[in-house]
Amino acid sequence: MMMVSEVAALRQLQKQELIDFFEEYIKIGAAGKKSLSIRVYGSQHLKEMASDKDEVPSPSVEIEDIVGFRKAQPLHGSFRGCGQPKL
């Protein structure tokens, strides 16, 4: 039943509503754009997790240079040298 109501809602969606959503929440520099970063540690990295737990992150950080930010992240090392996706 839920899928049927979702499909019905999607059918009523207007093109301008989709564009407005993109402009507000997805586009670079959008006022409502948010992101979440999560760290996951395996059992072999408990020491790193313990030391990182002591760090108190600031509640919010604005990233000015997205390409530089991605390259600086250890989990994105496999993407170095590859083309960056267009946002």
PDB file of N, CA and C in Angstrom:
ATOM      1  N   MET A   1       0.822  -1.200   0.000  1.00  0.00           N
ATOM      2  CA  MET A   1       0.000   0.000   0.000  1.00  0.00           C
ATOM      3  C   MET A   1       0.863   1.261   0.000  1.00  0.00           C
ATOM      4  N   MET A   2       1.959   1.252   0.786  1.00  0.00           N
ATOM      5  CA  MET A   2       2.800   2.439   0.873  1.00  0.00           C
ATOM      6  C   MET A   2       3.422   2.771  -0.482  1.00  0.00           C
ATOM      7  N   MET A   3       3.857   1.745  -1.232  1.00  0.00           N
ATOM      8  CA  MET A   3       4.481   1.989  -2.526  1.00  0.00           C
ATOM      9  C   MET A   3       3.475   2.625  -3.486  1.00  0.00           C
ATOM     10  N   VAL A   4       2.242   2.200  -3.418  1.00  0.00           N
ATOM     11  CA  VAL A   4       1.209   2.754  -4.290  1.00  0.00           C
ATOM     12  C   VAL A   4       1.027   4.245  -4.002  1.00  0.00           C
ATOM     13  N   SER A   5       0.997   4.615  -2.720  1.00  0.00           N
ATOM     14  CA  SER A   5       0.824   6.031  -2.385  1.00  0.00           C
ATOM     15  C   SER A   5       2.058   6.852  -2.772  1.00  0.00           C
ATOM     16  N   GLU A   6       3.256   6.249  -2.672  1.00  0.00           N
ATOM     17  CA  GLU A   6       4.471   6.952  -3.097  1.00  0.00           C
ATOM     18  C   GLU A   6       4.459   7.182  -4.601  1.00  0.00           C
ATOM     19  N   VAL A   7       4.049   6.180  -5.346  1.00  0.00           N
ATOM     20  CA  VAL A   7       3.971   6.315  -6.801  1.00  0.00           C
ATOM     21  C   VAL A   7       2.952   7.396  -7.164  1.00  0.00           C
ATOM     22  N   ALA A   8       1.834   7.406  -6.475  1.00  0.00           N
ATOM     23  CA  ALA A   8       0.813   8.428  -6.742  1.00  0.00           C
ATOM     24  C   ALA A   8       1.359   9.825  -6.450  1.00  0.00           C
ATOM     25  N   ALA A   9       2.094   9.962  -5.363  1.00  0.00           N
ATOM     26  CA  ALA A   9       2.685  11.264  -5.021  1.00  0.00           C
ATOM     27  C   ALA A   9       3.713  11.680  -6.066  1.00  0.00           C
ATOM     28  N   LEU A  10       4.514  10.740  -6.541  1.00  0.00           N
ATOM     29  CA  LEU A  10       5.516  11.056  -7.564  1.00  0.00           C
ATOM     30  C   LEU A  10       4.859  11.471  -8.878  1.00  0.00           C
ATOM     31  N   ARG A  11       3.740  10.874  -9.191  1.00  0.00           N
ATOM     32  CA  ARG A  11       3.039  11.241 -10.428  1.00  0.00           C
ATOM     33  C   ARG A  11       2.489  12.662 -10.370  1.00  0.00           C
ATOM     34  N   GLN A  12       2.208  13.148  -9.171  1.00  0.00           N
ATOM     35  CA  GLN A  12       1.689  14.507  -9.019  1.00  0.00           C
ATOM     36  C   GLN A  12       2.802  15.548  -8.980  1.00  0.00           C
ATOM     37  N   LEU A  13       4.032  15.111  -8.857  1.00  0.00           N
ATOM     38  CA  LEU A  13       5.175  16.017  -8.768  1.00  0.00           C
ATOM     39  C   LEU A  13       5.339  16.795 -10.075  1.00  0.00           C
ATOM     40  N   GLN A  14       5.482  18.084  -9.950  1.00  0.00           N
ATOM     41  CA  GLN A  14       5.661  18.950 -11.109  1.00  0.00           C
ATOM     42  C   GLN A  14       7.150  19.197 -11.356  1.00  0.00           C
ATOM     43  N   LYS A  15       7.501  19.457 -12.600  1.00  0.00           N
ATOM     44  CA  LYS A  15       8.891  19.713 -12.968  1.00  0.00           C
ATOM     45  C   LYS A  15       9.470  20.873 -12.151  1.00  0.00           C
ATOM     46  N   GLN A  16       8.722  21.938 -11.985  1.00  0.00           N
ATOM     47  CA  GLN A  16       9.218  23.102 -11.247  1.00  0.00           C
ATOM     48  C   GLN A  16       9.483  22.763  -9.782  1.00  0.00           C
ATOM     49  N   GLU A  17       8.684  21.869  -9.198  1.00  0.00           N
ATOM     50  CA  GLU A  17       8.912  21.445  -7.813  1.00  0.00           C
ATOM     51  C   GLU A  17      10.252  20.726  -7.684  1.00  0.00           C
ATOM     52  N   LEU A  18      10.571  19.896  -8.658  1.00  0.00           N
ATOM     53  CA  LEU A  18      11.850  19.186  -8.663  1.00  0.00           C
ATOM     54  C   LEU A  18      13.007  20.169  -8.828  1.00  0.00           C
ATOM     55  N   ILE A  19      12.855  21.122  -9.716  1.00  0.00           N
ATOM     56  CA  ILE A  19      13.891  22.144  -9.914  1.00  0.00           C
ATOM     57  C   ILE A  19      14.078  22.967  -8.642  1.00  0.00           C
ATOM     58  N   ASP A  20      12.979  23.353  -8.010  1.00  0.00           N
ATOM     59  CA  ASP A  20      13.064  24.121  -6.761  1.00  0.00           C
ATOM     60  C   ASP A  20      13.774  23.330  -5.667  1.00  0.00           C
ATOM     61  N   PHE A  21      13.474  22.037  -5.566  1.00  0.00           N
ATOM     62  CA  PHE A  21      14.135  21.187  -4.571  1.00  0.00           C
ATOM     63  C   PHE A  21      15.636  21.141  -4.832  1.00  0.00           C
ATOM     64  N   PHE A  22      16.017  20.950  -6.093  1.00  0.00           N
ATOM     65  CA  PHE A  22      17.432  20.923  -6.455  1.00  0.00           C
ATOM     66  C   PHE A  22      18.111  22.234  -6.076  1.00  0.00           C
ATOM     67  N   GLU A  23      17.485  23.344  -6.431  1.00  0.00           N
ATOM     68  CA  GLU A  23      18.056  24.664  -6.144  1.00  0.00           C
ATOM     69  C   GLU A  23      18.222  24.896  -4.640  1.00  0.00           C
ATOM     70  N   GLU A  24      17.295  24.397  -3.837  1.00  0.00           N
ATOM     71  CA  GLU A  24      17.303  24.650  -2.394  1.00  0.00           C
ATOM     72  C   GLU A  24      18.220  23.705  -1.615  1.00  0.00           C
ATOM     73  N   TYR A  25      18.320  22.429  -2.035  1.00  0.00           N
ATOM     74  CA  TYR A  25      18.996  21.433  -1.203  1.00  0.00           C
ATOM     75  C   TYR A  25      20.198  20.731  -1.828  1.00  0.00           C
ATOM     76  N   ILE A  26      20.364  20.755  -3.129  1.00  0.00           N
ATOM     77  CA  ILE A  26      21.408  19.949  -3.766  1.00  0.00           C
ATOM     78  C   ILE A  26      22.489  20.789  -4.432  1.00  0.00           C
ATOM     79  N   LYS A  27      22.113  21.822  -5.124  1.00  0.00           N
ATOM     80  CA  LYS A  27      23.040  22.661  -5.885  1.00  0.00           C
ATOM     81  C   LYS A  27      24.145  23.232  -4.985  1.00  0.00           C
ATOM     82  N   ILE A  28      25.354  23.364  -5.538  1.00  0.00           N
ATOM     83  CA  ILE A  28      26.462  23.965  -4.793  1.00  0.00           C
ATOM     84  C   ILE A  28      26.055  25.363  -4.354  1.00  0.00           C
ATOM     85  N   GLY A  29      26.255  25.645  -3.079  1.00  0.00           N
ATOM     86  CA  GLY A  29      25.906  26.945  -2.531  1.00  0.00           C
ATOM     87  C   GLY A  29      24.447  27.079  -2.118  1.00  0.00           C
ATOM     88  N   ALA A  30      23.678  26.001  -2.234  1.00  0.00           N
ATOM     89  CA  ALA A  30      22.265  26.056  -1.862  1.00  0.00           C
ATOM     90  C   ALA A  30      22.113  26.339  -0.374  1.00  0.00           C
ATOM     91  N   ALA A  31      21.132  27.157  -0.041  1.00  0.00           N
ATOM     92  CA  ALA A  31      20.924  27.573   1.352  1.00  0.00           C
ATOM     93  C   ALA A  31      20.612  26.394   2.268  1.00  0.00           C
ATOM     94  N   GLY A  32      19.887  25.417   1.783  1.00  0.00           N
ATOM     95  CA  GLY A  32      19.482  24.293   2.628  1.00  0.00           C
ATOM     96  C   GLY A  32      20.356  23.064   2.504  1.00  0.00           C
ATOM     97  N   LYS A  33      21.477  23.177   1.792  1.00  0.00           N
ATOM     98  CA  LYS A  33      22.334  22.007   1.573  1.00  0.00           C
ATOM     99  C   LYS A  33      23.014  21.598   2.874  1.00  0.00           C
ATOM    100  N   LYS A  34      22.961  20.323   3.189  1.00  0.00           N
ATOM    101  CA  LYS A  34      23.577  19.768   4.389  1.00  0.00           C
ATOM    102  C   LYS A  34      24.332  18.500   4.013  1.00  0.00           C
ATOM    103  N   SER A  35      25.296  18.142   4.837  1.00  0.00           N
ATOM    104  CA  SER A  35      25.989  16.874   4.628  1.00  0.00           C
ATOM    105  C   SER A  35      26.342  16.286   5.979  1.00  0.00           C
ATOM    106  N   LEU A  36      26.621  15.005   5.974  1.00  0.00           N
ATOM    107  CA  LEU A  36      26.949  14.282   7.189  1.00  0.00           C
ATOM    108  C   LEU A  36      28.170  13.428   6.912  1.00  0.00           C
ATOM    109  N   SER A  37      29.110  13.455   7.821  1.00  0.00           N
ATOM    110  CA  SER A  37      30.313  12.642   7.694  1.00  0.00           C
ATOM    111  C   SER A  37      30.378  11.694   8.885  1.00  0.00           C
ATOM    112  N   ILE A  38      30.609  10.428   8.611  1.00  0.00           N
ATOM    113  CA  ILE A  38      30.649   9.412   9.659  1.00  0.00           C
ATOM    114  C   ILE A  38      31.935   8.617   9.529  1.00  0.00           C
ATOM    115  N   ARG A  39      32.555   8.336  10.663  1.00  0.00           N
ATOM    116  CA  ARG A  39      33.746   7.488  10.683  1.00  0.00           C
ATOM    117  C   ARG A  39      33.356   6.109  11.195  1.00  0.00           C
ATOM    118  N   VAL A  40      33.834   5.079  10.520  1.00  0.00           N
ATOM    119  CA  VAL A  40      33.585   3.699  10.931  1.00  0.00           C
ATOM    120  C   VAL A  40      34.933   3.045  11.158  1.00  0.00           C
ATOM    121  N   TYR A  41      35.096   2.417  12.307  1.00  0.00           N
ATOM    122  CA  TYR A  41      36.355   1.773  12.661  1.00  0.00           C
ATOM    123  C   TYR A  41      36.155   0.271  12.752  1.00  0.00           C
ATOM    124  N   GLY A  42      37.098  -0.486  12.201  1.00  0.00           N
ATOM    125  CA  GLY A  42      37.092  -1.933  12.338  1.00  0.00           C
ATOM    126  C   GLY A  42      37.725  -2.337  13.660  1.00  0.00           C
ATOM    127  N   SER A  43      37.567  -3.586  14.019  1.00  0.00           N
ATOM    128  CA  SER A  43      38.086  -4.065  15.306  1.00  0.00           C
ATOM    129  C   SER A  43      39.609  -3.979  15.385  1.00  0.00           C
ATOM    130  N   GLN A  44      40.286  -3.903  14.250  1.00  0.00           N
ATOM    131  CA  GLN A  44      41.748  -3.802  14.255  1.00  0.00           C
ATOM    132  C   GLN A  44      42.221  -2.361  14.454  1.00  0.00           C
ATOM    133  N   HIS A  45      41.307  -1.424  14.552  1.00  0.00           N
ATOM    134  CA  HIS A  45      41.673  -0.013  14.679  1.00  0.00           C
ATOM    135  C   HIS A  45      41.079   0.625  15.936  1.00  0.00           C
ATOM    136  N   LEU A  46      40.994  -0.143  17.005  1.00  0.00           N
ATOM    137  CA  LEU A  46      40.389   0.362  18.237  1.00  0.00           C
ATOM    138  C   LEU A  46      41.203   1.484  18.864  1.00  0.00           C
ATOM    139  N   LYS A  47      42.536   1.451  18.714  1.00  0.00           N
ATOM    140  CA  LYS A  47      43.374   2.518  19.278  1.00  0.00           C
ATOM    141  C   LYS A  47      43.072   3.854  18.595  1.00  0.00           C
ATOM    142  N   GLU A  48      42.957   3.834  17.271  1.00  0.00           N
ATOM    143  CA  GLU A  48      42.643   5.060  16.545  1.00  0.00           C
ATOM    144  C   GLU A  48      41.265   5.590  16.952  1.00  0.00           C
ATOM    145  N   MET A  49      40.322   4.668  17.132  1.00  0.00           N
ATOM    146  CA  MET A  49      38.984   5.082  17.527  1.00  0.00           C
ATOM    147  C   MET A  49      39.016   5.749  18.900  1.00  0.00           C
ATOM    148  N   ALA A  50      39.763   5.162  19.821  1.00  0.00           N
ATOM    149  CA  ALA A  50      39.847   5.724  21.174  1.00  0.00           C
ATOM    150  C   ALA A  50      40.463   7.118  21.148  1.00  0.00           C
ATOM    151  N   SER A  51      41.522   7.308  20.351  1.00  0.00           N
ATOM    152  CA  SER A  51      42.159   8.627  20.303  1.00  0.00           C
ATOM    153  C   SER A  51      41.267   9.645  19.590  1.00  0.00           C
ATOM    154  N   ASP A  52      40.549   9.228  18.565  1.00  0.00           N
ATOM    155  CA  ASP A  52      39.651  10.140  17.857  1.00  0.00           C
ATOM    156  C   ASP A  52      38.435  10.506  18.703  1.00  0.00           C
ATOM    157  N   LYS A  53      38.041   9.623  19.607  1.00  0.00           N
ATOM    158  CA  LYS A  53      36.894   9.888  20.473  1.00  0.00           C
ATOM    159  C   LYS A  53      37.147  11.078  21.387  1.00  0.00           C
ATOM    160  N   ASP A  54      38.414  11.278  21.759  1.00  0.00           N
ATOM    161  CA  ASP A  54      38.762  12.372  22.656  1.00  0.00           C
ATOM    162  C   ASP A  54      38.689  13.736  21.971  1.00  0.00           C
ATOM    163  N   GLU A  55      38.766  13.752  20.650  1.00  0.00           N
ATOM    164  CA  GLU A  55      38.663  15.009  19.909  1.00  0.00           C
ATOM    165  C   GLU A  55      37.214  15.482  19.926  1.00  0.00           C
ATOM    166  N   VAL A  56      37.032  16.741  20.193  1.00  0.00           N
ATOM    167  CA  VAL A  56      35.682  17.308  20.177  1.00  0.00           C
ATOM    168  C   VAL A  56      35.532  18.089  18.879  1.00  0.00           C
ATOM    169  N   PRO A  57      34.744  17.559  17.942  1.00  0.00           N
ATOM    170  CA  PRO A  57      34.583  18.264  16.668  1.00  0.00           C
ATOM    171  C   PRO A  57      33.713  19.504  16.832  1.00  0.00           C
ATOM    172  N   SER A  58      33.974  20.488  15.998  1.00  0.00           N
ATOM    173  CA  SER A  58      33.109  21.665  16.010  1.00  0.00           C
ATOM    174  C   SER A  58      31.765  21.246  15.414  1.00  0.00           C
ATOM    175  N   PRO A  59      30.701  21.909  15.773  1.00  0.00           N
ATOM    176  CA  PRO A  59      29.388  21.481  15.291  1.00  0.00           C
ATOM    177  C   PRO A  59      29.216  21.593  13.775  1.00  0.00           C
ATOM    178  N   SER A  60      29.937  22.517  13.157  1.00  0.00           N
ATOM    179  CA  SER A  60      29.742  22.719  11.732  1.00  0.00           C
ATOM    180  C   SER A  60      31.010  23.272  11.099  1.00  0.00           C
ATOM    181  N   VAL A  61      31.314  22.786   9.903  1.00  0.00           N
ATOM    182  CA  VAL A  61      32.473  23.274   9.161  1.00  0.00           C
ATOM    183  C   VAL A  61      32.029  23.549   7.730  1.00  0.00           C
ATOM    184  N   GLU A  62      32.289  24.748   7.253  1.00  0.00           N
ATOM    185  CA  GLU A  62      31.962  25.071   5.872  1.00  0.00           C
ATOM    186  C   GLU A  62      33.155  24.720   4.998  1.00  0.00           C
ATOM    187  N   ILE A  63      32.925  23.952   3.957  1.00  0.00           N
ATOM    188  CA  ILE A  63      33.978  23.526   3.045  1.00  0.00           C
ATOM    189  C   ILE A  63      33.915  24.409   1.806  1.00  0.00           C
ATOM    190  N   GLU A  64      34.977  25.170   1.591  1.00  0.00           N
ATOM    191  CA  GLU A  64      35.034  26.080   0.445  1.00  0.00           C
ATOM    192  C   GLU A  64      35.519  25.363  -0.818  1.00  0.00           C
ATOM    193  N   ASP A  65      36.497  24.463  -0.668  1.00  0.00           N
ATOM    194  CA  ASP A  65      37.115  23.777  -1.807  1.00  0.00           C
ATOM    195  C   ASP A  65      36.774  22.289  -1.728  1.00  0.00           C
ATOM    196  N   ILE A  66      35.699  21.864  -2.397  1.00  0.00           N
ATOM    197  CA  ILE A  66      35.229  20.485  -2.291  1.00  0.00           C
ATOM    198  C   ILE A  66      36.237  19.495  -2.859  1.00  0.00           C
ATOM    199  N   VAL A  67      36.895  19.834  -3.963  1.00  0.00           N
ATOM    200  CA  VAL A  67      37.871  18.919  -4.558  1.00  0.00           C
ATOM    201  C   VAL A  67      39.053  18.733  -3.614  1.00  0.00           C
ATOM    202  N   GLY A  68      39.571  19.823  -3.057  1.00  0.00           N
ATOM    203  CA  GLY A  68      40.667  19.730  -2.094  1.00  0.00           C
ATOM    204  C   GLY A  68      40.261  18.964  -0.851  1.00  0.00           C
ATOM    205  N   PHE A  69      39.032  19.175  -0.389  1.00  0.00           N
ATOM    206  CA  PHE A  69      38.531  18.458   0.783  1.00  0.00           C
ATOM    207  C   PHE A  69      38.495  16.960   0.523  1.00  0.00           C
ATOM    208  N   ARG A  70      37.955  16.573  -0.623  1.00  0.00           N
ATOM    209  CA  ARG A  70      37.870  15.141  -0.952  1.00  0.00           C
ATOM    210  C   ARG A  70      39.251  14.514  -1.044  1.00  0.00           C
ATOM    211  N   LYS A  71      40.184  15.213  -1.661  1.00  0.00           N
ATOM    212  CA  LYS A  71      41.540  14.670  -1.794  1.00  0.00           C
ATOM    213  C   LYS A  71      42.236  14.547  -0.448  1.00  0.00           C
ATOM    214  N   ALA A  72      41.876  15.381   0.516  1.00  0.00           N
ATOM    215  CA  ALA A  72      42.501  15.354   1.837  1.00  0.00           C
ATOM    216  C   ALA A  72      41.951  14.235   2.722  1.00  0.00           C
ATOM    217  N   GLN A  73      40.836  13.631   2.329  1.00  0.00           N
ATOM    218  CA  GLN A  73      40.222  12.592   3.150  1.00  0.00           C
ATOM    219  C   GLN A  73      40.874  11.240   2.875  1.00  0.00           C
ATOM    220  N   PRO A  74      41.240  10.500   3.929  1.00  0.00           N
ATOM    221  CA  PRO A  74      41.932   9.227   3.736  1.00  0.00           C
ATOM    222  C   PRO A  74      41.102   8.184   3.002  1.00  0.00           C
ATOM    223  N   LEU A  75      39.792   8.207   3.097  1.00  0.00           N
ATOM    224  CA  LEU A  75      38.970   7.196   2.443  1.00  0.00           C
ATOM    225  C   LEU A  75      38.815   7.439   0.948  1.00  0.00           C
ATOM    226  N   HIS A  76      39.169   8.628   0.490  1.00  0.00           N
ATOM    227  CA  HIS A  76      39.027   8.943  -0.925  1.00  0.00           C
ATOM    228  C   HIS A  76      40.340   8.796  -1.688  1.00  0.00           C
ATOM    229  N   GLY A  77      41.329   8.155  -1.084  1.00  0.00           N
ATOM    230  CA  GLY A  77      42.626   8.012  -1.726  1.00  0.00           C
ATOM    231  C   GLY A  77      42.560   7.276  -3.048  1.00  0.00           C
ATOM    232  N   SER A  78      41.627   6.339  -3.184  1.00  0.00           N
ATOM    233  CA  SER A  78      41.533   5.575  -4.422  1.00  0.00           C
ATOM    234  C   SER A  78      41.037   6.430  -5.580  1.00  0.00           C
ATOM    235  N   PHE A  79      40.481   7.599  -5.284  1.00  0.00           N
ATOM    236  CA  PHE A  79      39.988   8.476  -6.334  1.00  0.00           C
ATOM    237  C   PHE A  79      41.028   9.492  -6.794  1.00  0.00           C
ATOM    238  N   ARG A  80      42.168   9.549  -6.132  1.00  0.00           N
ATOM    239  CA  ARG A  80      43.186  10.527  -6.531  1.00  0.00           C
ATOM    240  C   ARG A  80      43.636  10.242  -7.958  1.00  0.00           C
ATOM    241  N   GLY A  81      43.747  11.282  -8.709  1.00  0.00           N
ATOM    242  CA  GLY A  81      44.183  11.133 -10.088  1.00  0.00           C
ATOM    243  C   GLY A  81      43.032  10.910 -11.052  1.00  0.00           C
ATOM    244  N   CYS A  82      41.868  10.582 -10.531  1.00  0.00           N
ATOM    245  CA  CYS A  82      40.701  10.386 -11.390  1.00  0.00           C
ATOM    246  C   CYS A  82      39.952  11.703 -11.519  1.00  0.00           C
ATOM    247  N   GLY A  83      39.168  11.802 -12.537  1.00  0.00           N
ATOM    248  CA  GLY A  83      38.363  13.005 -12.710  1.00  0.00           C
ATOM    249  C   GLY A  83      37.342  13.139 -11.597  1.00  0.00           C
ATOM    250  N   GLN A  84      37.122  14.336 -11.152  1.00  0.00           N
ATOM    251  CA  GLN A  84      36.133  14.585 -10.108  1.00  0.00           C
ATOM    252  C   GLN A  84      34.763  14.735 -10.765  1.00  0.00           C
ATOM    253  N   PRO A  85      33.725  14.213 -10.122  1.00  0.00           N
ATOM    254  CA  PRO A  85      32.390  14.360 -10.703  1.00  0.00           C
ATOM    255  C   PRO A  85      31.939  15.816 -10.677  1.00  0.00           C
ATOM    256  N   LYS A  86      31.171  16.195 -11.663  1.00  0.00           N
ATOM    257  CA  LYS A  86      30.626  17.553 -11.714  1.00  0.00           C
ATOM    258  C   LYS A  86      29.452  17.635 -10.753  1.00  0.00           C
ATOM    259  N   LEU A  87      29.411  18.718  -9.978  1.00  0.00           N
ATOM    260  CA  LEU A  87      28.312  18.896  -9.026  1.00  0.00           C
ATOM    261  C   LEU A  87      27.335  19.922  -9.526  1.00  0.00           C
TER     262      LEU A  87
END
